[in-house]
């Protein structure tokens, strides 16, 4: 695993935890070891990677430190659900635009964990991005062996999501 892939994997697991999914301590320790072997260096990473079975309860806290040391998730997210959802949606859209997360994964985060937490009456700035995310997902799933234009349609749909994410970030009013 190279450095870029290790960072992407650490970010993906950090986002999973951020949205409430549990990740086992054994997995976190393995991620730490993989990241260390990939050449990533933070003060807490060697400790995480070297935890023994007896020390597994320390993995969650050490993983949080590693993520903070690498700056993989935003600091100081709002505590209230709606402002927190807006902050996460802005961040996920930025990750899509910067290419730090693939379009489909970032789109899933925005759709499943952002859109669902924002009241419909307040979601107007997000609707165009959500529409392009859903269209991209539909395009990705509409595949047939004889479909010669499939790859082009998927790339076009992904490019539209990136553009809509960029437009969303530039025009989004601040909430919370």
C-alpha atoms as a PDB file:
ATOM      1  CA  UNK A   1       0.000   0.000   0.000  1.00  0.00           C
ATOM      2  CA  UNK A   2       1.363   3.427  -0.917  1.00  0.00           C
ATOM      3  CA  UNK A   3       1.030   6.594   1.170  1.00  0.00           C
ATOM      4  CA  UNK A   4      -1.909   7.960  -0.823  1.00  0.00           C
ATOM      5  CA  UNK A   5      -3.900   4.726  -0.511  1.00  0.00           C
ATOM      6  CA  UNK A   6      -3.127   4.502   3.212  1.00  0.00           C
ATOM      7  CA  UNK A   7      -4.332   8.082   3.788  1.00  0.00           C
ATOM      8  CA  UNK A   8      -7.499   7.394   1.769  1.00  0.00           C
ATOM      9  CA  UNK A   9      -8.200   4.268   3.826  1.00  0.00           C
ATOM     10  CA  UNK A  10      -7.611   6.078   7.117  1.00  0.00           C
ATOM     11  CA  UNK A  11      -9.944   8.907   5.998  1.00  0.00           C
ATOM     12  CA  UNK A  12     -12.646   6.434   4.932  1.00  0.00           C
ATOM     13  CA  UNK A  13     -12.550   4.690   8.320  1.00  0.00           C
ATOM     14  CA  UNK A  14     -12.496   8.051  10.136  1.00  0.00           C
ATOM     15  CA  UNK A  15     -15.606   9.114   8.212  1.00  0.00           C
ATOM     16  CA  UNK A  16     -17.274   5.798   9.059  1.00  0.00           C
ATOM     17  CA  UNK A  17     -16.691   6.479  12.726  1.00  0.00           C
ATOM     18  CA  UNK A  18     -17.776  10.101  12.333  1.00  0.00           C
ATOM     19  CA  UNK A  19     -21.184   8.992  11.050  1.00  0.00           C
ATOM     20  CA  UNK A  20     -21.622   6.470  13.845  1.00  0.00           C
ATOM     21  CA  UNK A  21     -20.328   3.204  12.446  1.00  0.00           C
ATOM     22  CA  UNK A  22     -18.265   1.060  14.789  1.00  0.00           C
ATOM     23  CA  UNK A  23     -14.859  -0.069  13.601  1.00  0.00           C
ATOM     24  CA  UNK A  24     -13.195  -2.799  15.634  1.00  0.00           C
ATOM     25  CA  UNK A  25      -9.969  -2.176  17.484  1.00  0.00           C
ATOM     26  CA  UNK A  26      -8.215  -4.971  15.605  1.00  0.00           C
ATOM     27  CA  UNK A  27      -9.028  -3.221  12.303  1.00  0.00           C
ATOM     28  CA  UNK A  28      -7.746   0.119  13.627  1.00  0.00           C
ATOM     29  CA  UNK A  29      -4.477  -1.464  14.729  1.00  0.00           C
ATOM     30  CA  UNK A  30      -4.060  -3.072  11.291  1.00  0.00           C
ATOM     31  CA  UNK A  31      -4.769   0.273   9.616  1.00  0.00           C
ATOM     32  CA  UNK A  32      -2.115   1.833  11.819  1.00  0.00           C
ATOM     33  CA  UNK A  33       0.403  -0.833  10.843  1.00  0.00           C
ATOM     34  CA  UNK A  34      -0.455  -0.462   7.139  1.00  0.00           C
ATOM     35  CA  UNK A  35      -0.074   3.324   7.371  1.00  0.00           C
ATOM     36  CA  UNK A  36       3.244   3.034   9.173  1.00  0.00           C
ATOM     37  CA  UNK A  37       4.542   0.589   6.552  1.00  0.00           C
ATOM     38  CA  UNK A  38       3.368   2.995   3.836  1.00  0.00           C
ATOM     39  CA  UNK A  39       5.658   5.664   5.257  1.00  0.00           C
ATOM     40  CA  UNK A  40       3.158   7.819   7.120  1.00  0.00           C
ATOM     41  CA  UNK A  41       4.602   9.414  10.220  1.00  0.00           C
ATOM     42  CA  UNK A  42       2.692  10.922  13.120  1.00  0.00           C
ATOM     43  CA  UNK A  43       3.500  10.861  16.827  1.00  0.00           C
ATOM     44  CA  UNK A  44       0.667   8.450  17.717  1.00  0.00           C
ATOM     45  CA  UNK A  45       0.876   6.122  14.724  1.00  0.00           C
ATOM     46  CA  UNK A  46       3.709   3.837  15.970  1.00  0.00           C
ATOM     47  CA  UNK A  47       1.864   3.381  19.258  1.00  0.00           C
ATOM     48  CA  UNK A  48      -1.394   2.466  17.459  1.00  0.00           C
ATOM     49  CA  UNK A  49       0.394   0.085  15.094  1.00  0.00           C
ATOM     50  CA  UNK A  50       2.197  -1.643  17.962  1.00  0.00           C
ATOM     51  CA  UNK A  51      -0.737  -2.307  20.276  1.00  0.00           C
ATOM     52  CA  UNK A  52      -0.985  -5.829  21.634  1.00  0.00           C
ATOM     53  CA  UNK A  53      -4.180  -7.793  22.225  1.00  0.00           C
ATOM     54  CA  UNK A  54      -4.183  -6.639  25.871  1.00  0.00           C
ATOM     55  CA  UNK A  55      -3.882  -2.997  24.761  1.00  0.00           C
ATOM     56  CA  UNK A  56      -6.681  -3.156  22.155  1.00  0.00           C
ATOM     57  CA  UNK A  57      -9.005  -0.936  24.230  1.00  0.00           C
ATOM     58  CA  UNK A  58      -6.550   1.934  23.592  1.00  0.00           C
ATOM     59  CA  UNK A  59      -6.947   1.629  19.807  1.00  0.00           C
ATOM     60  CA  UNK A  60     -10.036   3.843  19.496  1.00  0.00           C
ATOM     61  CA  UNK A  61      -8.422   6.781  21.315  1.00  0.00           C
ATOM     62  CA  UNK A  62      -5.123   6.387  19.472  1.00  0.00           C
ATOM     63  CA  UNK A  63      -6.896   6.225  16.114  1.00  0.00           C
ATOM     64  CA  UNK A  64      -8.679   9.486  16.918  1.00  0.00           C
ATOM     65  CA  UNK A  65      -5.277  11.041  17.694  1.00  0.00           C
ATOM     66  CA  UNK A  66      -3.761   9.756  14.444  1.00  0.00           C
ATOM     67  CA  UNK A  67      -6.691  11.136  12.455  1.00  0.00           C
ATOM     68  CA  UNK A  68      -6.325  14.512  14.195  1.00  0.00           C
ATOM     69  CA  UNK A  69      -2.549  14.551  13.656  1.00  0.00           C
ATOM     70  CA  UNK A  70      -3.082  13.929   9.938  1.00  0.00           C
ATOM     71  CA  UNK A  71      -5.979  16.403   9.707  1.00  0.00           C
ATOM     72  CA  UNK A  72      -8.234  13.840   8.043  1.00  0.00           C
ATOM     73  CA  UNK A  73     -11.529  15.157   9.409  1.00  0.00           C
ATOM     74  CA  UNK A  74     -12.656  18.699  10.234  1.00  0.00           C
ATOM     75  CA  UNK A  75     -11.933  20.106  13.664  1.00  0.00           C
ATOM     76  CA  UNK A  76     -14.683  21.520  15.842  1.00  0.00           C
ATOM     77  CA  UNK A  77     -17.757  20.251  14.041  1.00  0.00           C
ATOM     78  CA  UNK A  78     -20.958  21.784  15.422  1.00  0.00           C
ATOM     79  CA  UNK A  79     -22.712  19.673  18.038  1.00  0.00           C
ATOM     80  CA  UNK A  80     -26.257  20.425  16.855  1.00  0.00           C
ATOM     81  CA  UNK A  81     -27.462  17.972  14.171  1.00  0.00           C
ATOM     82  CA  UNK A  82     -28.464  20.384  11.385  1.00  0.00           C
ATOM     83  CA  UNK A  83     -25.410  22.681  11.525  1.00  0.00           C
ATOM     84  CA  UNK A  84     -23.249  19.563  11.823  1.00  0.00           C
ATOM     85  CA  UNK A  85     -24.890  18.070   8.720  1.00  0.00           C
ATOM     86  CA  UNK A  86     -24.272  21.282   6.752  1.00  0.00           C
ATOM     87  CA  UNK A  87     -20.631  21.340   7.847  1.00  0.00           C
ATOM     88  CA  UNK A  88     -20.156  17.699   6.837  1.00  0.00           C
ATOM     89  CA  UNK A  89     -21.882  18.204   3.477  1.00  0.00           C
ATOM     90  CA  UNK A  90     -19.615  21.185   2.725  1.00  0.00           C
ATOM     91  CA  UNK A  91     -16.570  19.120   3.693  1.00  0.00           C
ATOM     92  CA  UNK A  92     -17.611  16.061   1.669  1.00  0.00           C
ATOM     93  CA  UNK A  93     -18.343  18.270  -1.347  1.00  0.00           C
ATOM     94  CA  UNK A  94     -14.863  19.778  -0.977  1.00  0.00           C
ATOM     95  CA  UNK A  95     -13.323  16.291  -0.817  1.00  0.00           C
ATOM     96  CA  UNK A  96     -15.110  15.403  -4.061  1.00  0.00           C
ATOM     97  CA  UNK A  97     -13.931  18.580  -5.784  1.00  0.00           C
ATOM     98  CA  UNK A  98     -10.337  18.085  -4.629  1.00  0.00           C
ATOM     99  CA  UNK A  99     -10.367  14.414  -5.622  1.00  0.00           C
ATOM    100  CA  UNK A 100      -9.646  13.254  -2.072  1.00  0.00           C
ATOM    101  CA  UNK A 101     -12.681  10.965  -2.166  1.00  0.00           C
ATOM    102  CA  UNK A 102     -14.203   9.374  -5.231  1.00  0.00           C
ATOM    103  CA  UNK A 103     -17.460  10.817  -6.542  1.00  0.00           C
ATOM    104  CA  UNK A 104     -19.646   7.845  -5.684  1.00  0.00           C
ATOM    105  CA  UNK A 105     -18.347   7.471  -2.126  1.00  0.00           C
ATOM    106  CA  UNK A 106     -18.557  11.210  -1.437  1.00  0.00           C
ATOM    107  CA  UNK A 107     -21.992  11.300  -3.014  1.00  0.00           C
ATOM    108  CA  UNK A 108     -23.141   8.466  -0.765  1.00  0.00           C
ATOM    109  CA  UNK A 109     -21.884  10.366   2.310  1.00  0.00           C
ATOM    110  CA  UNK A 110     -23.705  13.529   1.238  1.00  0.00           C
ATOM    111  CA  UNK A 111     -26.912  11.698   0.357  1.00  0.00           C
ATOM    112  CA  UNK A 112     -27.065   9.265   3.279  1.00  0.00           C
ATOM    113  CA  UNK A 113     -25.623  11.297   6.136  1.00  0.00           C
ATOM    114  CA  UNK A 114     -26.053  14.927   5.129  1.00  0.00           C
ATOM    115  CA  UNK A 115     -29.238  15.266   3.105  1.00  0.00           C
ATOM    116  CA  UNK A 116     -31.172  13.064   5.524  1.00  0.00           C
ATOM    117  CA  UNK A 117     -30.241  15.264   8.517  1.00  0.00           C
ATOM    118  CA  UNK A 118     -31.203  18.579   6.893  1.00  0.00           C
ATOM    119  CA  UNK A 119     -34.875  19.597   6.980  1.00  0.00           C
ATOM    120  CA  UNK A 120     -36.367  19.605   3.505  1.00  0.00           C
ATOM    121  CA  UNK A 121     -37.504  23.199   3.883  1.00  0.00           C
ATOM    122  CA  UNK A 122     -33.852  24.274   4.401  1.00  0.00           C
ATOM    123  CA  UNK A 123     -32.297  22.048   1.746  1.00  0.00           C
ATOM    124  CA  UNK A 124     -32.769  24.173  -1.388  1.00  0.00           C
ATOM    125  CA  UNK A 125     -29.004  24.910  -1.795  1.00  0.00           C
ATOM    126  CA  UNK A 126     -28.332  21.166  -1.770  1.00  0.00           C
ATOM    127  CA  UNK A 127     -31.009  19.944  -4.168  1.00  0.00           C
ATOM    128  CA  UNK A 128     -29.097  20.323  -7.447  1.00  0.00           C
ATOM    129  CA  UNK A 129     -26.095  18.455  -6.028  1.00  0.00           C
ATOM    130  CA  UNK A 130     -28.361  15.705  -4.689  1.00  0.00           C
ATOM    131  CA  UNK A 131     -30.024  15.430  -8.093  1.00  0.00           C
ATOM    132  CA  UNK A 132     -26.675  14.942  -9.843  1.00  0.00           C
ATOM    133  CA  UNK A 133     -25.578  12.403  -7.194  1.00  0.00           C
ATOM    134  CA  UNK A 134     -28.751  10.363  -7.734  1.00  0.00           C
ATOM    135  CA  UNK A 135     -28.395  10.580 -11.528  1.00  0.00           C
ATOM    136  CA  UNK A 136     -24.777   9.441 -11.259  1.00  0.00           C
ATOM    137  CA  UNK A 137     -25.811   6.484  -9.123  1.00  0.00           C
ATOM    138  CA  UNK A 138     -28.557   5.580 -11.603  1.00  0.00           C
ATOM    139  CA  UNK A 139     -26.096   5.851 -14.499  1.00  0.00           C
ATOM    140  CA  UNK A 140     -23.593   3.641 -12.696  1.00  0.00           C
ATOM    141  CA  UNK A 141     -26.198   0.968 -12.024  1.00  0.00           C
ATOM    142  CA  UNK A 142     -27.661   1.013 -15.566  1.00  0.00           C
ATOM    143  CA  UNK A 143     -25.193  -1.294 -17.235  1.00  0.00           C
ATOM    144  CA  UNK A 144     -25.487  -3.945 -19.879  1.00  0.00           C
ATOM    145  CA  UNK A 145     -22.798  -6.031 -21.562  1.00  0.00           C
ATOM    146  CA  UNK A 146     -23.666  -4.571 -24.985  1.00  0.00           C
ATOM    147  CA  UNK A 147     -23.557  -0.944 -23.729  1.00  0.00           C
ATOM    148  CA  UNK A 148     -20.511   0.557 -25.467  1.00  0.00           C
ATOM    149  CA  UNK A 149     -21.185   4.071 -24.121  1.00  0.00           C
ATOM    150  CA  UNK A 150     -21.417   3.042 -20.459  1.00  0.00           C
ATOM    151  CA  UNK A 151     -17.942   4.235 -19.422  1.00  0.00           C
ATOM    152  CA  UNK A 152     -18.409   7.597 -21.117  1.00  0.00           C
ATOM    153  CA  UNK A 153     -21.818   8.138 -19.499  1.00  0.00           C
ATOM    154  CA  UNK A 154     -20.403   7.296 -16.058  1.00  0.00           C
ATOM    155  CA  UNK A 155     -17.481   9.692 -16.507  1.00  0.00           C
ATOM    156  CA  UNK A 156     -19.860  12.423 -17.670  1.00  0.00           C
ATOM    157  CA  UNK A 157     -22.174  11.818 -14.695  1.00  0.00           C
ATOM    158  CA  UNK A 158     -19.226  11.911 -12.286  1.00  0.00           C
ATOM    159  CA  UNK A 159     -17.947  15.137 -13.878  1.00  0.00           C
ATOM    160  CA  UNK A 160     -21.407  16.659 -13.379  1.00  0.00           C
ATOM    161  CA  UNK A 161     -21.324  15.742  -9.674  1.00  0.00           C
ATOM    162  CA  UNK A 162     -17.896  17.366  -9.327  1.00  0.00           C
ATOM    163  CA  UNK A 163     -19.170  20.539 -11.028  1.00  0.00           C
ATOM    164  CA  UNK A 164     -22.328  20.607  -8.910  1.00  0.00           C
ATOM    165  CA  UNK A 165     -20.221  20.098  -5.760  1.00  0.00           C
ATOM    166  CA  UNK A 166     -18.009  23.022  -6.818  1.00  0.00           C
ATOM    167  CA  UNK A 167     -21.064  25.199  -7.492  1.00  0.00           C
ATOM    168  CA  UNK A 168     -22.590  24.155  -4.178  1.00  0.00           C
ATOM    169  CA  UNK A 169     -19.469  25.109  -2.222  1.00  0.00           C
ATOM    170  CA  UNK A 170     -19.214  28.488  -3.938  1.00  0.00           C
ATOM    171  CA  UNK A 171     -22.877  29.379  -3.448  1.00  0.00           C
ATOM    172  CA  UNK A 172     -23.709  27.814  -0.117  1.00  0.00           C
ATOM    173  CA  UNK A 173     -25.040  30.120   2.578  1.00  0.00           C
ATOM    174  CA  UNK A 174     -23.570  29.331   5.995  1.00  0.00           C
ATOM    175  CA  UNK A 175     -25.819  27.434   8.402  1.00  0.00           C
ATOM    176  CA  UNK A 176     -24.845  27.308  12.049  1.00  0.00           C
END
